[in-house]
Amino acid sequence: MLVARGREVSESAKQWVYRVLRRGIMTGQFEPGDPVTINGLAEALGVSAMPVREALHRLVADGALELLDNRRVRVPDLDRQSFEEVLEARLALETRAAERAMPFVDEARLSRLRALDRLADEALAAADFGRLVEANFDFHRCLYEARPGTVMLPLIESLWLRLGPFMRRAGETLSETYQVDRHAEALAAIVNRDAAALKAAIAADIRDGAGHLGRGHFERVAARGRSA
């Protein structure tokens, strides 16, 4: 179910719709293969069709949605090769982004990161996969955007857009994931100003989370295929 938050006073309807849909896709509020209709989204968000239409055009251009031959729009899926490519790109970009951001993390940002880590822990304890994905992305974004003028974050978010719906489907084994709190390791590395440890924690977080869930999903699909 799409969860829409309030609109900022200075934000236009089309900006708000795009932001809400983009975040919804990124955090797994849509599943792979889901059809996306202008009228359905307009009704859900309480807006006219025009800002929804414009937002869908932008999201198709972002690669977050795909336009079919019959001009219908749907949420794309990832095959195993595409998943591995996205995972590899995340590891390369996010470890470097974390390293570059670390010198700019002050006490206020460190406090925010700790609060987001607590939200992730609470979501995990409640087996709330949607909240966990959202808190996890917010933790990573809060870290990376510490560096002023970073150009890496938009690239990273484009990968999250492609991965979010797939992770919703792959999240059947949530209880088997996140056995080690990699965010806690990242926070300790920041406090100690240990760039190598921070990069290792971020890489492990991606592998333990997205990597574990995704590969588990493909193994289950293969097993069902063999037993059919």
C-alpha atoms as a PDB file:
ATOM      1  CA  MET A   1       0.000   0.000   0.000  1.00  0.00           C
ATOM      2  CA  LEU A   2       1.341   3.395  -0.962  1.00  0.00           C
ATOM      3  CA  VAL A   3       1.968   5.629   2.047  1.00  0.00           C
ATOM      4  CA  ALA A   4       1.947   9.351   1.246  1.00  0.00           C
ATOM      5  CA  ARG A   5       3.199  11.970   3.661  1.00  0.00           C
ATOM      6  CA  GLY A   6       2.177  15.605   3.831  1.00  0.00           C
ATOM      7  CA  ARG A   7       3.328  18.094   1.250  1.00  0.00           C
ATOM      8  CA  GLU A   8       5.708  20.912   2.060  1.00  0.00           C
ATOM      9  CA  VAL A   9       4.206  24.377   1.675  1.00  0.00           C
ATOM     10  CA  SER A  10       6.734  25.350  -1.016  1.00  0.00           C
ATOM     11  CA  GLU A  11       6.315  22.104  -2.957  1.00  0.00           C
ATOM     12  CA  SER A  12       4.182  21.919  -6.098  1.00  0.00           C
ATOM     13  CA  ALA A  13       1.729  19.070  -6.651  1.00  0.00           C
ATOM     14  CA  LYS A  14       3.859  17.542  -9.404  1.00  0.00           C
ATOM     15  CA  GLN A  15       7.001  17.691  -7.265  1.00  0.00           C
ATOM     16  CA  TRP A  16       5.182  16.115  -4.331  1.00  0.00           C
ATOM     17  CA  VAL A  17       3.659  13.304  -6.400  1.00  0.00           C
ATOM     18  CA  TYR A  18       7.026  12.506  -7.960  1.00  0.00           C
ATOM     19  CA  ARG A  19       8.725  12.482  -4.564  1.00  0.00           C
ATOM     20  CA  VAL A  20       6.069  10.273  -2.965  1.00  0.00           C
ATOM     21  CA  LEU A  21       6.044   7.756  -5.819  1.00  0.00           C
ATOM     22  CA  ARG A  22       9.826   7.726  -6.054  1.00  0.00           C
ATOM     23  CA  ARG A  23      10.196   7.016  -2.350  1.00  0.00           C
ATOM     24  CA  GLY A  24       7.424   4.425  -2.475  1.00  0.00           C
ATOM     25  CA  ILE A  25       9.208   2.518  -5.243  1.00  0.00           C
ATOM     26  CA  MET A  26      12.572   2.862  -3.535  1.00  0.00           C
ATOM     27  CA  THR A  27      11.296   1.512  -0.219  1.00  0.00           C
ATOM     28  CA  GLY A  28       9.386  -1.458  -1.591  1.00  0.00           C
ATOM     29  CA  GLN A  29       5.816  -0.143  -1.434  1.00  0.00           C
ATOM     30  CA  PHE A  30       5.358  -1.515  -4.967  1.00  0.00           C
ATOM     31  CA  GLU A  31       6.110  -5.082  -6.070  1.00  0.00           C
ATOM     32  CA  PRO A  32       7.725  -6.198  -9.340  1.00  0.00           C
ATOM     33  CA  GLY A  33       5.169  -6.562 -12.102  1.00  0.00           C
ATOM     34  CA  ASP A  34       2.595  -4.335 -10.410  1.00  0.00           C
ATOM     35  CA  PRO A  35       0.612  -2.305 -12.968  1.00  0.00           C
ATOM     36  CA  VAL A  36       0.670   1.435 -12.322  1.00  0.00           C
ATOM     37  CA  THR A  37      -2.328   3.471 -13.468  1.00  0.00           C
ATOM     38  CA  ILE A  38      -2.738   7.217 -13.544  1.00  0.00           C
ATOM     39  CA  ASN A  39      -6.312   7.158 -12.244  1.00  0.00           C
ATOM     40  CA  GLY A  40      -5.527   4.703  -9.463  1.00  0.00           C
ATOM     41  CA  LEU A  41      -2.595   6.718  -8.191  1.00  0.00           C
ATOM     42  CA  ALA A  42      -4.460  10.010  -8.533  1.00  0.00           C
ATOM     43  CA  GLU A  43      -7.263   8.625  -6.382  1.00  0.00           C
ATOM     44  CA  ALA A  44      -4.846   7.180  -3.805  1.00  0.00           C
ATOM     45  CA  LEU A  45      -2.927  10.446  -3.503  1.00  0.00           C
ATOM     46  CA  GLY A  46      -5.903  12.768  -3.728  1.00  0.00           C
ATOM     47  CA  VAL A  47      -4.615  14.738  -6.716  1.00  0.00           C
ATOM     48  CA  SER A  48      -5.582  15.265 -10.343  1.00  0.00           C
ATOM     49  CA  ALA A  49      -4.303  13.074 -13.151  1.00  0.00           C
ATOM     50  CA  MET A  50      -1.854  15.619 -14.562  1.00  0.00           C
ATOM     51  CA  PRO A  51       0.829  15.585 -11.806  1.00  0.00           C
ATOM     52  CA  VAL A  52       0.626  11.790 -11.706  1.00  0.00           C
ATOM     53  CA  ARG A  53       1.101  11.569 -15.474  1.00  0.00           C
ATOM     54  CA  GLU A  54       4.161  13.843 -15.293  1.00  0.00           C
ATOM     55  CA  ALA A  55       5.607  11.890 -12.365  1.00  0.00           C
ATOM     56  CA  LEU A  56       5.211   8.587 -14.227  1.00  0.00           C
ATOM     57  CA  HIS A  57       7.027  10.008 -17.255  1.00  0.00           C
ATOM     58  CA  ARG A  58       9.928  11.045 -15.010  1.00  0.00           C
ATOM     59  CA  LEU A  59      10.021   7.681 -13.244  1.00  0.00           C
ATOM     60  CA  VAL A  60      10.088   5.816 -16.559  1.00  0.00           C
ATOM     61  CA  ALA A  61      13.043   8.008 -17.574  1.00  0.00           C
ATOM     62  CA  ASP A  62      14.684   7.201 -14.211  1.00  0.00           C
ATOM     63  CA  GLY A  63      14.367   3.469 -14.919  1.00  0.00           C
ATOM     64  CA  ALA A  64      12.125   3.038 -11.877  1.00  0.00           C
ATOM     65  CA  LEU A  65       9.115   2.110 -14.037  1.00  0.00           C
ATOM     66  CA  GLU A  66       8.821   0.574 -17.479  1.00  0.00           C
ATOM     67  CA  LEU A  67       6.535   1.518 -20.359  1.00  0.00           C
ATOM     68  CA  LEU A  68       5.032  -1.478 -22.162  1.00  0.00           C
ATOM     69  CA  ASP A  69       4.150  -1.714 -25.846  1.00  0.00           C
ATOM     70  CA  ASN A  70       0.480  -1.070 -25.089  1.00  0.00           C
ATOM     71  CA  ARG A  71       1.490   2.159 -23.285  1.00  0.00           C
ATOM     72  CA  ARG A  72       0.695   0.680 -19.901  1.00  0.00           C
ATOM     73  CA  VAL A  73       3.179   1.261 -17.106  1.00  0.00           C
ATOM     74  CA  ARG A  74       4.365  -1.304 -14.606  1.00  0.00           C
ATOM     75  CA  VAL A  75       7.021  -1.863 -11.953  1.00  0.00           C
ATOM     76  CA  PRO A  76       9.965  -3.734 -13.508  1.00  0.00           C
ATOM     77  CA  ASP A  77      11.557  -6.877 -12.116  1.00  0.00           C
ATOM     78  CA  LEU A  78      15.197  -7.916 -11.852  1.00  0.00           C
ATOM     79  CA  ASP A  79      16.656 -11.141 -13.166  1.00  0.00           C
ATOM     80  CA  ARG A  80      19.674 -12.625 -11.427  1.00  0.00           C
ATOM     81  CA  GLN A  81      22.238 -11.011 -13.721  1.00  0.00           C
ATOM     82  CA  SER A  82      20.680  -7.564 -13.327  1.00  0.00           C
ATOM     83  CA  PHE A  83      20.459  -8.037  -9.569  1.00  0.00           C
ATOM     84  CA  GLU A  84      24.154  -8.897  -9.321  1.00  0.00           C
ATOM     85  CA  GLU A  85      25.063  -5.852 -11.424  1.00  0.00           C
ATOM     86  CA  VAL A  86      23.018  -3.535  -9.217  1.00  0.00           C
ATOM     87  CA  LEU A  87      24.563  -5.084  -6.099  1.00  0.00           C
ATOM     88  CA  GLU A  88      28.080  -4.685  -7.473  1.00  0.00           C
ATOM     89  CA  ALA A  89      27.391  -1.053  -8.362  1.00  0.00           C
ATOM     90  CA  ARG A  90      26.021  -0.379  -4.873  1.00  0.00           C
ATOM     91  CA  LEU A  91      29.139  -1.824  -3.270  1.00  0.00           C
ATOM     92  CA  ALA A  92      31.439   0.269  -5.437  1.00  0.00           C
ATOM     93  CA  LEU A  93      29.567   3.551  -5.055  1.00  0.00           C
ATOM     94  CA  GLU A  94      28.390   3.356  -1.462  1.00  0.00           C
ATOM     95  CA  THR A  95      31.668   2.320   0.135  1.00  0.00           C
ATOM     96  CA  ARG A  96      33.365   5.235  -1.618  1.00  0.00           C
ATOM     97  CA  ALA A  97      30.536   7.631  -0.719  1.00  0.00           C
ATOM     98  CA  ALA A  98      30.789   6.622   2.941  1.00  0.00           C
ATOM     99  CA  GLU A  99      34.540   7.123   2.956  1.00  0.00           C
ATOM    100  CA  ARG A 100      34.223  10.577   1.399  1.00  0.00           C
ATOM    101  CA  ALA A 101      31.426  11.603   3.762  1.00  0.00           C
ATOM    102  CA  MET A 102      33.018  10.489   7.031  1.00  0.00           C
ATOM    103  CA  PRO A 103      35.120  13.653   7.677  1.00  0.00           C
ATOM    104  CA  PHE A 104      31.923  15.739   7.465  1.00  0.00           C
ATOM    105  CA  VAL A 105      29.876  13.757  10.013  1.00  0.00           C
ATOM    106  CA  ASP A 106      29.436  16.018  13.051  1.00  0.00           C
ATOM    107  CA  GLU A 107      27.749  15.252  16.368  1.00  0.00           C
ATOM    108  CA  ALA A 108      24.312  16.344  15.133  1.00  0.00           C
ATOM    109  CA  ARG A 109      24.481  14.001  12.138  1.00  0.00           C
ATOM    110  CA  LEU A 110      25.879  11.212  14.268  1.00  0.00           C
ATOM    111  CA  SER A 111      22.859  11.595  16.550  1.00  0.00           C
ATOM    112  CA  ARG A 112      20.531  11.349  13.544  1.00  0.00           C
ATOM    113  CA  LEU A 113      22.312   8.233  12.320  1.00  0.00           C
ATOM    114  CA  ARG A 114      21.918   6.616  15.726  1.00  0.00           C
ATOM    115  CA  ALA A 115      18.209   7.439  15.750  1.00  0.00           C
ATOM    116  CA  LEU A 116      17.778   5.877  12.290  1.00  0.00           C
ATOM    117  CA  ASP A 117      19.664   2.788  13.444  1.00  0.00           C
ATOM    118  CA  ARG A 118      17.219   2.467  16.350  1.00  0.00           C
ATOM    119  CA  LEU A 119      14.299   2.725  13.927  1.00  0.00           C
ATOM    120  CA  ALA A 120      15.803  -0.070  11.850  1.00  0.00           C
ATOM    121  CA  ASP A 121      16.256  -2.225  14.959  1.00  0.00           C
ATOM    122  CA  GLU A 122      12.631  -1.634  15.964  1.00  0.00           C
ATOM    123  CA  ALA A 123      11.393  -2.543  12.489  1.00  0.00           C
ATOM    124  CA  LEU A 124      13.476  -5.719  12.497  1.00  0.00           C
ATOM    125  CA  ALA A 125      12.136  -6.711  15.921  1.00  0.00           C
ATOM    126  CA  ALA A 126       8.588  -6.163  14.642  1.00  0.00           C
ATOM    127  CA  ALA A 127       9.316  -8.078  11.401  1.00  0.00           C
ATOM    128  CA  ASP A 128       8.160  -4.985   9.515  1.00  0.00           C
ATOM    129  CA  PHE A 129      10.069  -5.286   6.255  1.00  0.00           C
ATOM    130  CA  GLY A 130       8.741  -2.066   4.744  1.00  0.00           C
ATOM    131  CA  ARG A 131       9.834   0.033   7.717  1.00  0.00           C
ATOM    132  CA  LEU A 132      13.185  -1.740   7.797  1.00  0.00           C
ATOM    133  CA  VAL A 133      13.925  -0.976   4.153  1.00  0.00           C
ATOM    134  CA  GLU A 134      12.904   2.648   4.663  1.00  0.00           C
ATOM    135  CA  ALA A 135      15.023   3.105   7.787  1.00  0.00           C
ATOM    136  CA  ASN A 136      17.980   1.399   6.139  1.00  0.00           C
ATOM    137  CA  PHE A 137      17.899   3.676   3.089  1.00  0.00           C
ATOM    138  CA  ASP A 138      17.448   6.733   5.317  1.00  0.00           C
ATOM    139  CA  PHE A 139      20.503   5.719   7.361  1.00  0.00           C
ATOM    140  CA  HIS A 140      22.647   5.368   4.244  1.00  0.00           C
ATOM    141  CA  ARG A 141      21.348   8.615   2.729  1.00  0.00           C
ATOM    142  CA  CYS A 142      21.954  10.527   5.967  1.00  0.00           C
ATOM    143  CA  LEU A 143      25.566   9.353   5.931  1.00  0.00           C
ATOM    144  CA  TYR A 144      26.349   9.977   2.283  1.00  0.00           C
ATOM    145  CA  GLU A 145      24.778  13.426   2.105  1.00  0.00           C
ATOM    146  CA  ALA A 146      27.055  14.653   4.910  1.00  0.00           C
ATOM    147  CA  ARG A 147      29.575  15.561   2.242  1.00  0.00           C
ATOM    148  CA  PRO A 148      28.499  18.906   0.735  1.00  0.00           C
ATOM    149  CA  GLY A 149      27.773  18.889  -2.978  1.00  0.00           C
ATOM    150  CA  THR A 150      28.103  15.134  -3.363  1.00  0.00           C
ATOM    151  CA  VAL A 151      27.297  13.887  -6.866  1.00  0.00           C
ATOM    152  CA  MET A 152      27.253  10.231  -5.820  1.00  0.00           C
ATOM    153  CA  LEU A 153      23.925  10.248  -3.988  1.00  0.00           C
ATOM    154  CA  PRO A 154      21.702  10.616  -7.100  1.00  0.00           C
ATOM    155  CA  LEU A 155      23.592   7.722  -8.707  1.00  0.00           C
ATOM    156  CA  ILE A 156      23.137   5.613  -5.591  1.00  0.00           C
ATOM    157  CA  GLU A 157      19.441   6.450  -5.365  1.00  0.00           C
ATOM    158  CA  SER A 158      18.965   5.352  -8.981  1.00  0.00           C
ATOM    159  CA  LEU A 159      20.177   1.918  -7.893  1.00  0.00           C
ATOM    160  CA  TRP A 160      17.855   1.910  -4.875  1.00  0.00           C
ATOM    161  CA  LEU A 161      14.950   2.637  -7.231  1.00  0.00           C
ATOM    162  CA  ARG A 162      15.725  -0.468  -9.243  1.00  0.00           C
ATOM    163  CA  LEU A 163      16.248  -2.605  -6.152  1.00  0.00           C
ATOM    164  CA  GLY A 164      13.374  -1.510  -3.875  1.00  0.00           C
ATOM    165  CA  PRO A 165      10.475  -3.449  -5.447  1.00  0.00           C
ATOM    166  CA  PHE A 166      12.612  -6.555  -5.863  1.00  0.00           C
ATOM    167  CA  MET A 167      13.604  -6.468  -2.183  1.00  0.00           C
ATOM    168  CA  ARG A 168       9.915  -6.405  -1.238  1.00  0.00           C
ATOM    169  CA  ARG A 169       9.478  -9.710  -3.075  1.00  0.00           C
ATOM    170  CA  ALA A 170      12.706 -11.190  -1.754  1.00  0.00           C
ATOM    171  CA  GLY A 171      11.929 -10.333   1.876  1.00  0.00           C
ATOM    172  CA  GLU A 172      10.411 -13.709   2.743  1.00  0.00           C
ATOM    173  CA  THR A 173      13.468 -14.632   4.805  1.00  0.00           C
ATOM    174  CA  LEU A 174      13.658 -11.442   6.847  1.00  0.00           C
ATOM    175  CA  SER A 175      14.338 -13.299  10.102  1.00  0.00           C
ATOM    176  CA  GLU A 176      17.459 -14.908   8.599  1.00  0.00           C
ATOM    177  CA  THR A 177      18.961 -11.550   7.636  1.00  0.00           C
ATOM    178  CA  TYR A 178      20.747  -8.820   9.607  1.00  0.00           C
ATOM    179  CA  GLN A 179      22.263 -11.199  12.132  1.00  0.00           C
ATOM    180  CA  VAL A 180      24.951  -8.588  12.831  1.00  0.00           C
ATOM    181  CA  ASP A 181      24.154  -4.893  13.269  1.00  0.00           C
ATOM    182  CA  ARG A 182      26.340  -3.450  10.539  1.00  0.00           C
ATOM    183  CA  HIS A 183      24.981   0.033  11.219  1.00  0.00           C
ATOM    184  CA  ALA A 184      26.418  -0.190  14.738  1.00  0.00           C
ATOM    185  CA  GLU A 185      29.757  -1.160  13.199  1.00  0.00           C
ATOM    186  CA  ALA A 186      29.539   1.820  10.837  1.00  0.00           C
ATOM    187  CA  LEU A 187      28.753   4.179  13.713  1.00  0.00           C
ATOM    188  CA  ALA A 188      31.718   2.895  15.716  1.00  0.00           C
ATOM    189  CA  ALA A 189      33.979   3.364  12.685  1.00  0.00           C
ATOM    190  CA  ILE A 190      32.789   6.965  12.305  1.00  0.00           C
ATOM    191  CA  VAL A 191      33.452   7.712  15.973  1.00  0.00           C
ATOM    192  CA  ASN A 192      36.946   6.230  15.614  1.00  0.00           C
ATOM    193  CA  ARG A 193      37.506   7.996  12.262  1.00  0.00           C
ATOM    194  CA  ASP A 194      38.415   4.639  10.752  1.00  0.00           C
ATOM    195  CA  ALA A 195      37.659   4.884   7.022  1.00  0.00           C
ATOM    196  CA  ALA A 196      38.637   1.281   6.269  1.00  0.00           C
ATOM    197  CA  ALA A 197      36.314  -0.056   8.982  1.00  0.00           C
ATOM    198  CA  LEU A 198      33.476   2.171   7.746  1.00  0.00           C
ATOM    199  CA  LYS A 199      33.851   0.905   4.180  1.00  0.00           C
ATOM    200  CA  ALA A 200      33.896  -2.690   5.452  1.00  0.00           C
ATOM    201  CA  ALA A 201      30.742  -2.123   7.529  1.00  0.00           C
ATOM    202  CA  ILE A 202      28.836  -0.561   4.628  1.00  0.00           C
ATOM    203  CA  ALA A 203      29.909  -3.354   2.262  1.00  0.00           C
ATOM    204  CA  ALA A 204      28.857  -6.005   4.798  1.00  0.00           C
ATOM    205  CA  ASP A 205      25.522  -4.256   5.360  1.00  0.00           C
ATOM    206  CA  ILE A 206      24.760  -4.365   1.632  1.00  0.00           C
ATOM    207  CA  ARG A 207      25.849  -7.993   1.307  1.00  0.00           C
ATOM    208  CA  ASP A 208      23.999  -9.131   4.465  1.00  0.00           C
ATOM    209  CA  GLY A 209      20.840  -7.262   3.522  1.00  0.00           C
ATOM    210  CA  ALA A 210      20.190  -6.927  -0.196  1.00  0.00           C
ATOM    211  CA  GLY A 211      22.725  -9.570  -1.183  1.00  0.00           C
ATOM    212  CA  HIS A 212      21.450 -12.244   1.192  1.00  0.00           C
ATOM    213  CA  LEU A 213      17.784 -11.633   0.455  1.00  0.00           C
ATOM    214  CA  GLY A 214      18.245 -11.440  -3.300  1.00  0.00           C
ATOM    215  CA  ARG A 215      20.320 -14.573  -3.651  1.00  0.00           C
ATOM    216  CA  GLY A 216      17.981 -16.443  -1.329  1.00  0.00           C
ATOM    217  CA  HIS A 217      15.082 -15.437  -3.561  1.00  0.00           C
ATOM    218  CA  PHE A 218      16.766 -16.782  -6.707  1.00  0.00           C
ATOM    219  CA  GLU A 219      17.673 -20.025  -4.938  1.00  0.00           C
ATOM    220  CA  ARG A 220      14.034 -20.540  -3.920  1.00  0.00           C
ATOM    221  CA  VAL A 221      12.863 -19.828  -7.474  1.00  0.00           C
ATOM    222  CA  ALA A 222      15.374 -22.352  -8.837  1.00  0.00           C
ATOM    223  CA  ALA A 223      14.300 -24.954  -6.282  1.00  0.00           C
ATOM    224  CA  ARG A 224      10.631 -24.521  -7.195  1.00  0.00           C
ATOM    225  CA  GLY A 225      11.573 -24.912 -10.862  1.00  0.00           C
ATOM    226  CA  ARG A 226      13.386 -28.193 -10.181  1.00  0.00           C
ATOM    227  CA  SER A 227      10.460 -29.612  -8.193  1.00  0.00           C
ATOM    228  CA  ALA A 228       7.812 -28.624 -10.764  1.00  0.00           C
END
